[in-house]
C-alpha atoms as a PDB file:
ATOM      1  CA  ALA A   1       0.000   0.000   0.000  1.00  0.00           C
ATOM      2  CA  LYS A   2       2.861   2.370   0.827  1.00  0.00           C
ATOM      3  CA  LEU A   3       4.576   1.653  -2.484  1.00  0.00           C
ATOM      4  CA  GLU A   4       1.347   2.238  -4.402  1.00  0.00           C
ATOM      5  CA  GLU A   5       0.731   5.459  -2.473  1.00  0.00           C
ATOM      6  CA  HIS A   6       4.015   6.865  -3.764  1.00  0.00           C
ATOM      7  CA  GLY A   7       3.928   5.332  -7.251  1.00  0.00           C
ATOM      8  CA  ILE A   8       6.945   3.108  -6.608  1.00  0.00           C
ATOM      9  CA  ARG A   9       7.428  -0.430  -7.896  1.00  0.00           C
ATOM     10  CA  ALA A  10       9.626  -2.793  -5.902  1.00  0.00           C
ATOM     11  CA  VAL A  11      11.640  -5.014  -8.233  1.00  0.00           C
ATOM     12  CA  ASN A  12      14.053  -7.111  -6.171  1.00  0.00           C
ATOM     13  CA  TYR A  13      14.611  -8.522  -2.686  1.00  0.00           C
ATOM     14  CA  GLY A  14      17.831  -9.643  -1.046  1.00  0.00           C
ATOM     15  CA  VAL A  15      20.489 -10.582  -0.405  1.00  0.00           C
ATOM     16  CA  VAL A  16      18.552 -13.207   1.536  1.00  0.00           C
ATOM     17  CA  PHE A  17      20.252 -16.349   2.965  1.00  0.00           C
ATOM     18  CA  GLY A  18      24.036 -16.434   3.006  1.00  0.00           C
ATOM     19  CA  PRO A  19      26.464 -18.909   1.407  1.00  0.00           C
ATOM     20  CA  ASP A  20      26.556 -21.231   4.413  1.00  0.00           C
ATOM     21  CA  SER A  21      22.807 -21.238   5.010  1.00  0.00           C
ATOM     22  CA  THR A  22      20.545 -24.145   4.193  1.00  0.00           C
ATOM     23  CA  PRO A  23      17.003 -22.792   4.473  1.00  0.00           C
ATOM     24  CA  SER A  24      14.218 -25.334   4.171  1.00  0.00           C
ATOM     25  CA  GLU A  25      11.681 -25.366   1.370  1.00  0.00           C
ATOM     26  CA  GLU A  26       9.190 -23.861   3.810  1.00  0.00           C
ATOM     27  CA  GLU A  27      11.549 -20.959   4.553  1.00  0.00           C
ATOM     28  CA  TRP A  28      12.225 -20.405   0.868  1.00  0.00           C
ATOM     29  CA  ARG A  29       8.518 -20.591   0.079  1.00  0.00           C
ATOM     30  CA  LYS A  30       7.854 -17.695   2.467  1.00  0.00           C
ATOM     31  CA  VAL A  31      10.371 -15.604   0.534  1.00  0.00           C
ATOM     32  CA  PHE A  32       8.807 -16.501  -2.809  1.00  0.00           C
ATOM     33  CA  GLU A  33       5.310 -15.754  -1.494  1.00  0.00           C
ATOM     34  CA  PHE A  34       6.542 -12.365  -0.283  1.00  0.00           C
ATOM     35  CA  ALA A  35       8.105 -11.722  -3.705  1.00  0.00           C
ATOM     36  CA  GLN A  36       4.909 -12.781  -5.457  1.00  0.00           C
ATOM     37  CA  LYS A  37       2.812 -10.486  -3.275  1.00  0.00           C
ATOM     38  CA  LEU A  38       5.028  -7.518  -4.173  1.00  0.00           C
ATOM     39  CA  LYS A  39       5.176  -8.634  -7.842  1.00  0.00           C
ATOM     40  CA  LEU A  40       8.965  -8.662  -7.749  1.00  0.00           C
ATOM     41  CA  TYR A  41      11.094  -9.378 -10.788  1.00  0.00           C
ATOM     42  CA  ALA A  42      13.713 -11.306  -8.816  1.00  0.00           C
ATOM     43  CA  ILE A  43      15.182 -12.467  -5.514  1.00  0.00           C
ATOM     44  CA  THR A  44      18.892 -12.272  -4.692  1.00  0.00           C
ATOM     45  CA  THR A  45      20.675 -14.901  -2.591  1.00  0.00           C
ATOM     46  CA  GLU A  46      23.999 -16.595  -1.857  1.00  0.00           C
ATOM     47  CA  SER A  47      22.448 -19.874  -0.730  1.00  0.00           C
ATOM     48  CA  GLU A  48      24.217 -22.101  -3.246  1.00  0.00           C
ATOM     49  CA  LYS A  49      23.483 -25.211  -1.170  1.00  0.00           C
ATOM     50  CA  THR A  50      19.734 -24.989  -1.782  1.00  0.00           C
ATOM     51  CA  LEU A  51      19.666 -24.639  -5.560  1.00  0.00           C
ATOM     52  CA  ASP A  52      17.410 -27.672  -5.960  1.00  0.00           C
ATOM     53  CA  ILE A  53      14.763 -26.009  -3.797  1.00  0.00           C
ATOM     54  CA  ILE A  54      15.294 -22.674  -5.529  1.00  0.00           C
ATOM     55  CA  GLU A  55      14.867 -24.246  -8.958  1.00  0.00           C
ATOM     56  CA  LYS A  56      11.638 -25.953  -7.927  1.00  0.00           C
ATOM     57  CA  LEU A  57      10.170 -22.675  -6.647  1.00  0.00           C
ATOM     58  CA  VAL A  58      11.437 -20.619  -9.579  1.00  0.00           C
ATOM     59  CA  LYS A  59       9.401 -22.886 -11.837  1.00  0.00           C
ATOM     60  CA  GLU A  60       6.369 -22.766  -9.567  1.00  0.00           C
ATOM     61  CA  TYR A  61       6.298 -18.998  -8.981  1.00  0.00           C
ATOM     62  CA  ASP A  62       7.937 -17.799 -12.224  1.00  0.00           C
ATOM     63  CA  ILE A  63      10.204 -15.457 -10.262  1.00  0.00           C
ATOM     64  CA  ARG A  64      13.892 -15.137 -11.101  1.00  0.00           C
ATOM     65  CA  VAL A  65      16.740 -15.703  -8.644  1.00  0.00           C
ATOM     66  CA  GLY A  66      20.169 -14.112  -8.916  1.00  0.00           C
ATOM     67  CA  ILE A  67      23.224 -15.586  -7.187  1.00  0.00           C
ATOM     68  CA  HIS A  68      25.091 -12.730  -5.524  1.00  0.00           C
ATOM     69  CA  GLU A  69      28.822 -12.583  -4.951  1.00  0.00           C
ATOM     70  CA  HIS A  70      30.844 -10.806  -2.313  1.00  0.00           C
ATOM     71  CA  ALA A  71      34.550 -10.095  -2.680  1.00  0.00           C
ATOM     72  CA  LYS A  72      37.265 -12.725  -2.544  1.00  0.00           C
ATOM     73  CA  ASN A  73      38.354 -13.131   1.058  1.00  0.00           C
ATOM     74  CA  PRO A  74      41.650 -14.854   1.975  1.00  0.00           C
ATOM     75  CA  ASN A  75      40.204 -15.509   5.436  1.00  0.00           C
ATOM     76  CA  LYS A  76      37.357 -17.504   3.865  1.00  0.00           C
ATOM     77  CA  PRO A  77      39.032 -19.863   1.360  1.00  0.00           C
ATOM     78  CA  ASN A  78      35.863 -21.942   0.950  1.00  0.00           C
ATOM     79  CA  TYR A  79      33.914 -18.933  -0.326  1.00  0.00           C
ATOM     80  CA  LYS A  80      33.924 -19.201  -4.127  1.00  0.00           C
ATOM     81  CA  LEU A  81      31.002 -17.070  -5.284  1.00  0.00           C
ATOM     82  CA  TRP A  82      33.357 -14.175  -6.052  1.00  0.00           C
ATOM     83  CA  ASP A  83      34.458 -16.133  -9.147  1.00  0.00           C
ATOM     84  CA  PRO A  84      32.068 -15.773 -12.116  1.00  0.00           C
ATOM     85  CA  ASN A  85      33.318 -19.069 -13.568  1.00  0.00           C
ATOM     86  CA  TYR A  86      32.253 -20.829 -10.368  1.00  0.00           C
ATOM     87  CA  VAL A  87      28.838 -19.143 -10.436  1.00  0.00           C
ATOM     88  CA  LEU A  88      28.398 -20.145 -14.072  1.00  0.00           C
ATOM     89  CA  LYS A  89      29.069 -23.793 -13.205  1.00  0.00           C
ATOM     90  CA  LEU A  90      26.414 -23.586 -10.478  1.00  0.00           C
ATOM     91  CA  ILE A  91      23.720 -22.219 -12.774  1.00  0.00           C
ATOM     92  CA  GLU A  92      24.495 -23.236 -16.362  1.00  0.00           C
ATOM     93  CA  ASN A  93      22.370 -26.398 -16.276  1.00  0.00           C
ATOM     94  CA  ARG A  94      19.618 -24.877 -14.184  1.00  0.00           C
ATOM     95  CA  ASP A  95      16.358 -23.227 -15.201  1.00  0.00           C
ATOM     96  CA  PRO A  96      17.242 -20.048 -17.156  1.00  0.00           C
ATOM     97  CA  ARG A  97      15.413 -17.957 -14.569  1.00  0.00           C
ATOM     98  CA  ILE A  98      18.275 -18.768 -12.176  1.00  0.00           C
ATOM     99  CA  GLY A  99      21.229 -16.535 -12.921  1.00  0.00           C
ATOM    100  CA  ALA A 100      23.675 -14.104 -11.401  1.00  0.00           C
ATOM    101  CA  CYS A 101      23.300 -10.830  -9.555  1.00  0.00           C
ATOM    102  CA  ALA A 102      26.322  -9.037 -10.988  1.00  0.00           C
ATOM    103  CA  ASP A 103      27.905  -7.054  -8.171  1.00  0.00           C
ATOM    104  CA  THR A 104      30.448  -5.054 -10.133  1.00  0.00           C
ATOM    105  CA  GLY A 105      31.986  -3.549  -7.010  1.00  0.00           C
ATOM    106  CA  HIS A 106      32.811  -6.877  -5.417  1.00  0.00           C
ATOM    107  CA  TRP A 107      34.340  -8.059  -8.691  1.00  0.00           C
ATOM    108  CA  VAL A 108      36.591  -4.979  -8.711  1.00  0.00           C
ATOM    109  CA  ARG A 109      37.494  -5.587  -5.063  1.00  0.00           C
ATOM    110  CA  SER A 110      38.427  -9.150  -6.030  1.00  0.00           C
ATOM    111  CA  GLY A 111      40.795  -7.845  -8.690  1.00  0.00           C
ATOM    112  CA  LEU A 112      38.504  -8.847 -11.575  1.00  0.00           C
ATOM    113  CA  ASP A 113      37.496  -6.815 -14.617  1.00  0.00           C
ATOM    114  CA  PRO A 114      33.703  -6.470 -14.320  1.00  0.00           C
ATOM    115  CA  VAL A 115      33.212  -6.368 -18.094  1.00  0.00           C
ATOM    116  CA  GLU A 116      35.043  -9.682 -18.493  1.00  0.00           C
ATOM    117  CA  CYS A 117      32.950 -11.130 -15.650  1.00  0.00           C
ATOM    118  CA  LEU A 118      29.761 -10.044 -17.420  1.00  0.00           C
ATOM    119  CA  LYS A 119      30.970 -11.728 -20.591  1.00  0.00           C
ATOM    120  CA  ILE A 120      31.555 -14.997 -18.708  1.00  0.00           C
ATOM    121  CA  LEU A 121      27.982 -14.878 -17.407  1.00  0.00           C
ATOM    122  CA  ARG A 122      26.488 -13.544 -20.630  1.00  0.00           C
ATOM    123  CA  GLY A 123      22.837 -14.471 -20.945  1.00  0.00           C
ATOM    124  CA  ARG A 124      22.555 -15.382 -17.257  1.00  0.00           C
ATOM    125  CA  ILE A 125      22.618 -11.939 -15.613  1.00  0.00           C
ATOM    126  CA  VAL A 126      19.386 -11.492 -13.646  1.00  0.00           C
ATOM    127  CA  SER A 127      20.218  -8.203 -11.925  1.00  0.00           C
ATOM    128  CA  SER A 128      23.163  -6.043 -10.962  1.00  0.00           C
ATOM    129  CA  HIS A 129      24.468  -4.202  -7.932  1.00  0.00           C
ATOM    130  CA  LEU A 130      26.197  -1.545  -9.975  1.00  0.00           C
ATOM    131  CA  LYS A 131      29.133   0.129  -8.256  1.00  0.00           C
ATOM    132  CA  ASP A 132      32.045   2.358  -9.175  1.00  0.00           C
ATOM    133  CA  LEU A 133      35.003   2.085  -6.792  1.00  0.00           C
ATOM    134  CA  ARG A 134      37.897   4.326  -5.865  1.00  0.00           C
ATOM    135  CA  GLU A 135      40.584   1.620  -6.144  1.00  0.00           C
ATOM    136  CA  PHE A 136      41.066  -1.691  -7.959  1.00  0.00           C
ATOM    137  CA  GLY A 137      41.772  -4.961  -6.158  1.00  0.00           C
ATOM    138  CA  LYS A 138      41.314  -3.712  -2.596  1.00  0.00           C
ATOM    139  CA  VAL A 139      38.581  -5.097  -0.366  1.00  0.00           C
ATOM    140  CA  SER A 140      38.551  -1.802   1.560  1.00  0.00           C
ATOM    141  CA  SER A 141      37.921   0.293  -1.568  1.00  0.00           C
ATOM    142  CA  HIS A 142      34.729   2.317  -1.278  1.00  0.00           C
ATOM    143  CA  ASP A 143      32.039   3.544  -3.644  1.00  0.00           C
ATOM    144  CA  VAL A 144      32.366   6.735  -5.648  1.00  0.00           C
ATOM    145  CA  PRO A 145      29.828   8.328  -8.020  1.00  0.00           C
ATOM    146  CA  TYR A 146      29.586   6.559 -11.368  1.00  0.00           C
ATOM    147  CA  GLY A 147      32.167   7.668 -13.865  1.00  0.00           C
ATOM    148  CA  THR A 148      34.664   8.893 -11.258  1.00  0.00           C
ATOM    149  CA  GLY A 149      36.224   5.562 -10.251  1.00  0.00           C
ATOM    150  CA  VAL A 150      38.076   2.587 -11.725  1.00  0.00           C
ATOM    151  CA  SER A 151      35.132   0.323 -12.616  1.00  0.00           C
ATOM    152  CA  ASN A 152      34.583   1.633 -16.165  1.00  0.00           C
ATOM    153  CA  ILE A 153      30.824   2.121 -15.816  1.00  0.00           C
ATOM    154  CA  PRO A 154      30.390   3.070 -19.519  1.00  0.00           C
ATOM    155  CA  ALA A 155      31.894  -0.262 -20.634  1.00  0.00           C
ATOM    156  CA  ILE A 156      29.707  -2.125 -18.122  1.00  0.00           C
ATOM    157  CA  LEU A 157      26.579  -0.400 -19.453  1.00  0.00           C
ATOM    158  CA  GLU A 158      27.635  -1.139 -23.039  1.00  0.00           C
ATOM    159  CA  GLU A 159      28.124  -4.832 -22.235  1.00  0.00           C
ATOM    160  CA  LEU A 160      24.769  -5.093 -20.461  1.00  0.00           C
ATOM    161  CA  LYS A 161      23.084  -3.381 -23.401  1.00  0.00           C
ATOM    162  CA  SER A 162      24.804  -5.663 -25.926  1.00  0.00           C
ATOM    163  CA  MET A 163      23.576  -8.785 -24.130  1.00  0.00           C
ATOM    164  CA  GLY A 164      19.974  -7.564 -24.052  1.00  0.00           C
ATOM    165  CA  PHE A 165      19.923  -7.259 -20.259  1.00  0.00           C
ATOM    166  CA  GLU A 166      16.391  -6.594 -18.996  1.00  0.00           C
ATOM    167  CA  GLY A 167      16.867  -6.918 -15.235  1.00  0.00           C
ATOM    168  CA  ASN A 168      17.269  -4.213 -12.637  1.00  0.00           C
ATOM    169  CA  LEU A 169      20.322  -2.129 -11.814  1.00  0.00           C
ATOM    170  CA  SER A 170      20.622  -1.310  -8.121  1.00  0.00           C
ATOM    171  CA  VAL A 171      22.624   1.723  -7.045  1.00  0.00           C
ATOM    172  CA  GLU A 172      24.100  -0.050  -4.033  1.00  0.00           C
ATOM    173  CA  TYR A 173      26.050   2.897  -2.670  1.00  0.00           C
ATOM    174  CA  GLU A 174      27.684   1.733   0.559  1.00  0.00           C
ATOM    175  CA  TYR A 175      29.731   4.801   1.466  1.00  0.00           C
ATOM    176  CA  ASN A 176      28.852   8.064   3.207  1.00  0.00           C
ATOM    177  CA  TRP A 177      25.741   6.279   4.499  1.00  0.00           C
ATOM    178  CA  GLU A 178      24.128   9.186   6.321  1.00  0.00           C
ATOM    179  CA  HIS A 179      24.503  11.688   3.491  1.00  0.00           C
ATOM    180  CA  SER A 180      24.673   9.603   0.304  1.00  0.00           C
ATOM    181  CA  VAL A 181      21.572  10.891  -1.504  1.00  0.00           C
ATOM    182  CA  PRO A 182      23.512  13.412  -3.648  1.00  0.00           C
ATOM    183  CA  GLU A 183      25.972  10.701  -4.705  1.00  0.00           C
ATOM    184  CA  VAL A 184      23.165   8.240  -5.445  1.00  0.00           C
ATOM    185  CA  SER A 185      21.420  10.932  -7.501  1.00  0.00           C
ATOM    186  CA  GLN A 186      24.667  11.535  -9.369  1.00  0.00           C
ATOM    187  CA  CYS A 187      24.881   7.808 -10.172  1.00  0.00           C
ATOM    188  CA  ILE A 188      21.329   7.751 -11.518  1.00  0.00           C
ATOM    189  CA  GLY A 189      22.034  10.870 -13.527  1.00  0.00           C
ATOM    190  CA  PHE A 190      25.137   9.273 -15.031  1.00  0.00           C
ATOM    191  CA  VAL A 191      23.216   6.212 -16.250  1.00  0.00           C
ATOM    192  CA  ARG A 192      20.364   8.302 -17.640  1.00  0.00           C
ATOM    193  CA  GLY A 193      22.733  10.756 -19.278  1.00  0.00           C
ATOM    194  CA  TYR A 194      24.864   8.018 -20.804  1.00  0.00           C
ATOM    195  CA  GLY A 195      21.833   6.183 -22.151  1.00  0.00           C
ATOM    196  CA  THR A 196      20.342   9.372 -23.587  1.00  0.00           C
ATOM    197  CA  ALA A 197      23.624  10.273 -25.280  1.00  0.00           C
ATOM    198  CA  ARG A 198      23.707   6.787 -26.841  1.00  0.00           C
ATOM    199  CA  GLY A 199      20.077   6.998 -27.956  1.00  0.00           C
ATOM    200  CA  TRP A 200      18.972   4.152 -25.680  1.00  0.00           C
ATOM    201  CA  LYS A 201      15.412   3.750 -24.492  1.00  0.00           C
END
């Protein structure tokens, strides 16, 4: 009701359930029912251990699921979702509504070129947490407004456009939390301005 009051459409929910979690079908079903009620496009998760349940519910509810990735962490050697090749192996033989949530910032923090990562997952990108970062290959690197960092946002947008991406881009700006609205607005303006200059609709 609150969303309708303000003319806003929710499109995605998550990240729900971490990489070590094993939620039951009942727990997953509650998430899918919530997503269905809000008419969401997709759900984002890192629960790679429950892909059989996820696939069953994706087919039942016709709601997409994107596998999210955090940065490579030497203190967590068993965490592999930072690697797009690993994510591709998880999803390539699954229902096509199961794909990746492309977190470009965490790829950059992991020392990966986000455009090359998108190419690896081409055709399986469900959504994106679009970030531009101050430094490459550093876990501590923080967000900066699009076009002012090292992530090459124009090339990312070009690659998404070339693959016919139809999911949602989230401005996941995780810096200057209390006063980030101007930076978030600048990010939105960059995407709109770039698309307009390229004649995109």
